[in-house]
Amino acid sequence: MRHLAEEADSIITKQVAEEKSPSKVDTIAIGVATGVAATVIVQTGGGIINTLAKNPLVTFGAGIIAGYFTHKYRKEIIALSNHSAEHGKDFMLRQKQDFKNMLAVSQQASKTSPAVVSDDQEK
């Protein structure tokens, strides 16, 4: 009885594992379907965007909407840009310090190692 229970458990475990991992055919089919969907979206979206961009009222309306959201979230935008600027400054300071450290190590290594003179330089 115990043997049958263990065998049934192993069969169920194998079936669950097979259900979780798709086969190669399923993976290829999903990739092809995704590619086709992306192509259709890009082709139709490009035509719609070109048509809408040529209409001045749509362009004006998009500008009004962009201005509204920019004004609504201006504090968050300013805070985010200041935060990004601070991170940029910190990054530049770290890069400058790292460069100085590499330069110091390089100069120290050149002072401690004997200079190798080639035959061309001796002449």
C-alpha atoms as a PDB file:
ATOM      1  CA  MET A   1       0.000   0.000   0.000  1.00  0.00           C
ATOM      2  CA  ARG A   2       2.791   2.417   0.934  1.00  0.00           C
ATOM      3  CA  HIS A   3       4.596   1.564  -2.308  1.00  0.00           C
ATOM      4  CA  LEU A   4       1.549   2.524  -4.384  1.00  0.00           C
ATOM      5  CA  ALA A   5       1.246   5.849  -2.544  1.00  0.00           C
ATOM      6  CA  GLU A   6       4.902   6.670  -3.184  1.00  0.00           C
ATOM      7  CA  GLU A   7       4.568   5.728  -6.857  1.00  0.00           C
ATOM      8  CA  ALA A   8       1.447   7.885  -7.248  1.00  0.00           C
ATOM      9  CA  ASP A   9       3.230  10.768  -5.543  1.00  0.00           C
ATOM     10  CA  SER A  10       6.205  10.491  -7.903  1.00  0.00           C
ATOM     11  CA  ILE A  11       3.911  10.431 -10.951  1.00  0.00           C
ATOM     12  CA  ILE A  12       2.062  13.542  -9.757  1.00  0.00           C
ATOM     13  CA  THR A  13       5.360  15.298  -9.065  1.00  0.00           C
ATOM     14  CA  LYS A  14       6.569  14.526 -12.595  1.00  0.00           C
ATOM     15  CA  GLN A  15       3.310  15.822 -14.111  1.00  0.00           C
ATOM     16  CA  VAL A  16       3.506  19.065 -12.123  1.00  0.00           C
ATOM     17  CA  ALA A  17       7.132  19.559 -13.180  1.00  0.00           C
ATOM     18  CA  GLU A  18       6.210  18.995 -16.826  1.00  0.00           C
ATOM     19  CA  GLU A  19       3.334  21.476 -16.585  1.00  0.00           C
ATOM     20  CA  LYS A  20       5.581  24.191 -15.127  1.00  0.00           C
ATOM     21  CA  SER A  21       8.315  23.957 -17.760  1.00  0.00           C
ATOM     22  CA  PRO A  22       7.068  24.559 -21.321  1.00  0.00           C
ATOM     23  CA  SER A  23       8.386  22.388 -24.105  1.00  0.00           C
ATOM     24  CA  LYS A  24      10.591  23.725 -26.893  1.00  0.00           C
ATOM     25  CA  VAL A  25       7.624  23.822 -29.269  1.00  0.00           C
ATOM     26  CA  ASP A  26       5.593  25.876 -26.789  1.00  0.00           C
ATOM     27  CA  THR A  27       8.501  28.282 -26.284  1.00  0.00           C
ATOM     28  CA  ILE A  28       8.936  28.753 -30.046  1.00  0.00           C
ATOM     29  CA  ALA A  29       5.182  29.242 -30.540  1.00  0.00           C
ATOM     30  CA  ILE A  30       5.071  31.858 -27.798  1.00  0.00           C
ATOM     31  CA  GLY A  31       8.064  33.663 -29.328  1.00  0.00           C
ATOM     32  CA  VAL A  32       6.502  33.683 -32.802  1.00  0.00           C
ATOM     33  CA  ALA A  33       3.152  34.899 -31.467  1.00  0.00           C
ATOM     34  CA  THR A  34       4.865  37.676 -29.519  1.00  0.00           C
ATOM     35  CA  GLY A  35       6.820  38.734 -32.600  1.00  0.00           C
ATOM     36  CA  VAL A  36       3.695  38.832 -34.761  1.00  0.00           C
ATOM     37  CA  ALA A  37       1.802  40.830 -32.143  1.00  0.00           C
ATOM     38  CA  ALA A  38       4.660  43.320 -31.796  1.00  0.00           C
ATOM     39  CA  THR A  39       4.856  43.757 -35.574  1.00  0.00           C
ATOM     40  CA  VAL A  40       1.129  44.389 -35.880  1.00  0.00           C
ATOM     41  CA  ILE A  41       1.178  46.904 -33.030  1.00  0.00           C
ATOM     42  CA  VAL A  42       4.134  48.796 -34.479  1.00  0.00           C
ATOM     43  CA  GLN A  43       2.663  48.909 -37.986  1.00  0.00           C
ATOM     44  CA  THR A  44      -0.801  50.086 -36.934  1.00  0.00           C
ATOM     45  CA  GLY A  45       0.489  52.376 -34.197  1.00  0.00           C
ATOM     46  CA  GLY A  46       2.857  54.152 -36.577  1.00  0.00           C
ATOM     47  CA  GLY A  47       0.044  54.952 -38.978  1.00  0.00           C
ATOM     48  CA  ILE A  48      -2.217  56.207 -36.209  1.00  0.00           C
ATOM     49  CA  ILE A  49       0.499  58.375 -34.690  1.00  0.00           C
ATOM     50  CA  ASN A  50       1.369  59.902 -38.083  1.00  0.00           C
ATOM     51  CA  THR A  51      -2.302  60.695 -38.740  1.00  0.00           C
ATOM     52  CA  LEU A  52      -2.807  62.222 -35.314  1.00  0.00           C
ATOM     53  CA  ALA A  53       0.416  64.227 -35.463  1.00  0.00           C
ATOM     54  CA  LYS A  54      -0.706  65.896 -38.681  1.00  0.00           C
ATOM     55  CA  ASN A  55      -3.888  67.174 -37.067  1.00  0.00           C
ATOM     56  CA  PRO A  56      -3.182  70.471 -35.299  1.00  0.00           C
ATOM     57  CA  LEU A  57      -6.020  70.069 -32.775  1.00  0.00           C
ATOM     58  CA  VAL A  58      -4.658  66.732 -31.600  1.00  0.00           C
ATOM     59  CA  THR A  59      -1.169  68.197 -31.262  1.00  0.00           C
ATOM     60  CA  PHE A  60      -2.562  71.184 -29.334  1.00  0.00           C
ATOM     61  CA  GLY A  61      -4.604  68.901 -27.082  1.00  0.00           C
ATOM     62  CA  ALA A  62      -1.570  66.721 -26.362  1.00  0.00           C
ATOM     63  CA  GLY A  63       0.360  69.859 -25.415  1.00  0.00           C
ATOM     64  CA  ILE A  64      -2.413  70.979 -23.063  1.00  0.00           C
ATOM     65  CA  ILE A  65      -2.495  67.541 -21.406  1.00  0.00           C
ATOM     66  CA  ALA A  66       1.300  67.445 -21.070  1.00  0.00           C
ATOM     67  CA  GLY A  67       1.274  70.936 -19.556  1.00  0.00           C
ATOM     68  CA  TYR A  68      -1.447  69.988 -17.092  1.00  0.00           C
ATOM     69  CA  PHE A  69       0.428  66.930 -15.827  1.00  0.00           C
ATOM     70  CA  THR A  70       3.706  68.830 -15.723  1.00  0.00           C
ATOM     71  CA  HIS A  71       2.085  71.512 -13.586  1.00  0.00           C
ATOM     72  CA  LYS A  72       0.311  68.950 -11.397  1.00  0.00           C
ATOM     73  CA  TYR A  73       3.487  66.970 -10.666  1.00  0.00           C
ATOM     74  CA  ARG A  74       5.970  69.863 -10.771  1.00  0.00           C
ATOM     75  CA  LYS A  75       7.136  69.388  -7.185  1.00  0.00           C
ATOM     76  CA  GLU A  76       7.876  65.702  -7.758  1.00  0.00           C
ATOM     77  CA  ILE A  77       9.647  66.507 -11.040  1.00  0.00           C
ATOM     78  CA  ILE A  78      11.823  69.156  -9.392  1.00  0.00           C
ATOM     79  CA  ALA A  79      12.641  66.867  -6.445  1.00  0.00           C
ATOM     80  CA  LEU A  80      13.546  64.031  -8.806  1.00  0.00           C
ATOM     81  CA  SER A  81      15.770  66.255 -10.952  1.00  0.00           C
ATOM     82  CA  ASN A  82      17.560  67.622  -7.865  1.00  0.00           C
ATOM     83  CA  HIS A  83      18.037  64.086  -6.570  1.00  0.00           C
ATOM     84  CA  SER A  84      19.454  63.016  -9.949  1.00  0.00           C
ATOM     85  CA  ALA A  85      21.794  66.003 -10.010  1.00  0.00           C
ATOM     86  CA  GLU A  86      23.120  65.134  -6.546  1.00  0.00           C
ATOM     87  CA  HIS A  87      23.736  61.547  -7.609  1.00  0.00           C
ATOM     88  CA  GLY A  88      25.533  62.785 -10.709  1.00  0.00           C
ATOM     89  CA  LYS A  89      27.816  64.988  -8.618  1.00  0.00           C
ATOM     90  CA  ASP A  90      28.544  62.126  -6.227  1.00  0.00           C
ATOM     91  CA  PHE A  91      29.327  59.859  -9.154  1.00  0.00           C
ATOM     92  CA  MET A  92      31.736  62.374 -10.658  1.00  0.00           C
ATOM     93  CA  LEU A  93      33.510  62.862  -7.315  1.00  0.00           C
ATOM     94  CA  ARG A  94      33.900  59.097  -6.887  1.00  0.00           C
ATOM     95  CA  GLN A  95      35.247  58.744 -10.425  1.00  0.00           C
ATOM     96  CA  LYS A  96      37.687  61.606  -9.840  1.00  0.00           C
ATOM     97  CA  GLN A  97      38.898  60.022  -6.590  1.00  0.00           C
ATOM     98  CA  ASP A  98      39.234  56.607  -8.222  1.00  0.00           C
ATOM     99  CA  PHE A  99      41.251  58.165 -11.051  1.00  0.00           C
ATOM    100  CA  LYS A 100      43.543  59.909  -8.565  1.00  0.00           C
ATOM    101  CA  ASN A 101      44.032  56.630  -6.698  1.00  0.00           C
ATOM    102  CA  MET A 102      44.882  54.750  -9.902  1.00  0.00           C
ATOM    103  CA  LEU A 103      47.278  57.505 -10.931  1.00  0.00           C
ATOM    104  CA  ALA A 104      49.015  57.409  -7.539  1.00  0.00           C
ATOM    105  CA  VAL A 105      49.350  53.623  -7.667  1.00  0.00           C
ATOM    106  CA  SER A 106      50.690  53.838 -11.202  1.00  0.00           C
ATOM    107  CA  GLN A 107      53.257  56.497 -10.269  1.00  0.00           C
ATOM    108  CA  GLN A 108      54.315  54.567  -7.192  1.00  0.00           C
ATOM    109  CA  ALA A 109      54.713  51.393  -9.242  1.00  0.00           C
ATOM    110  CA  SER A 110      56.821  53.208 -11.827  1.00  0.00           C
ATOM    111  CA  LYS A 111      59.108  54.639  -9.110  1.00  0.00           C
ATOM    112  CA  THR A 112      59.678  51.310  -7.408  1.00  0.00           C
ATOM    113  CA  SER A 113      60.232  49.205 -10.513  1.00  0.00           C
ATOM    114  CA  PRO A 114      63.572  49.560 -12.318  1.00  0.00           C
ATOM    115  CA  ALA A 115      63.422  51.161 -15.702  1.00  0.00           C
ATOM    116  CA  VAL A 116      63.896  48.771 -18.573  1.00  0.00           C
ATOM    117  CA  VAL A 117      66.055  50.246 -21.305  1.00  0.00           C
ATOM    118  CA  SER A 118      65.761  48.789 -24.770  1.00  0.00           C
ATOM    119  CA  ASP A 119      68.603  48.525 -27.217  1.00  0.00           C
ATOM    120  CA  ASP A 120      67.123  51.305 -29.348  1.00  0.00           C
ATOM    121  CA  GLN A 121      67.128  53.781 -26.457  1.00  0.00           C
ATOM    122  CA  GLU A 122      70.793  53.139 -25.588  1.00  0.00           C
ATOM    123  CA  LYS A 123      72.001  54.242 -29.037  1.00  0.00           C
END
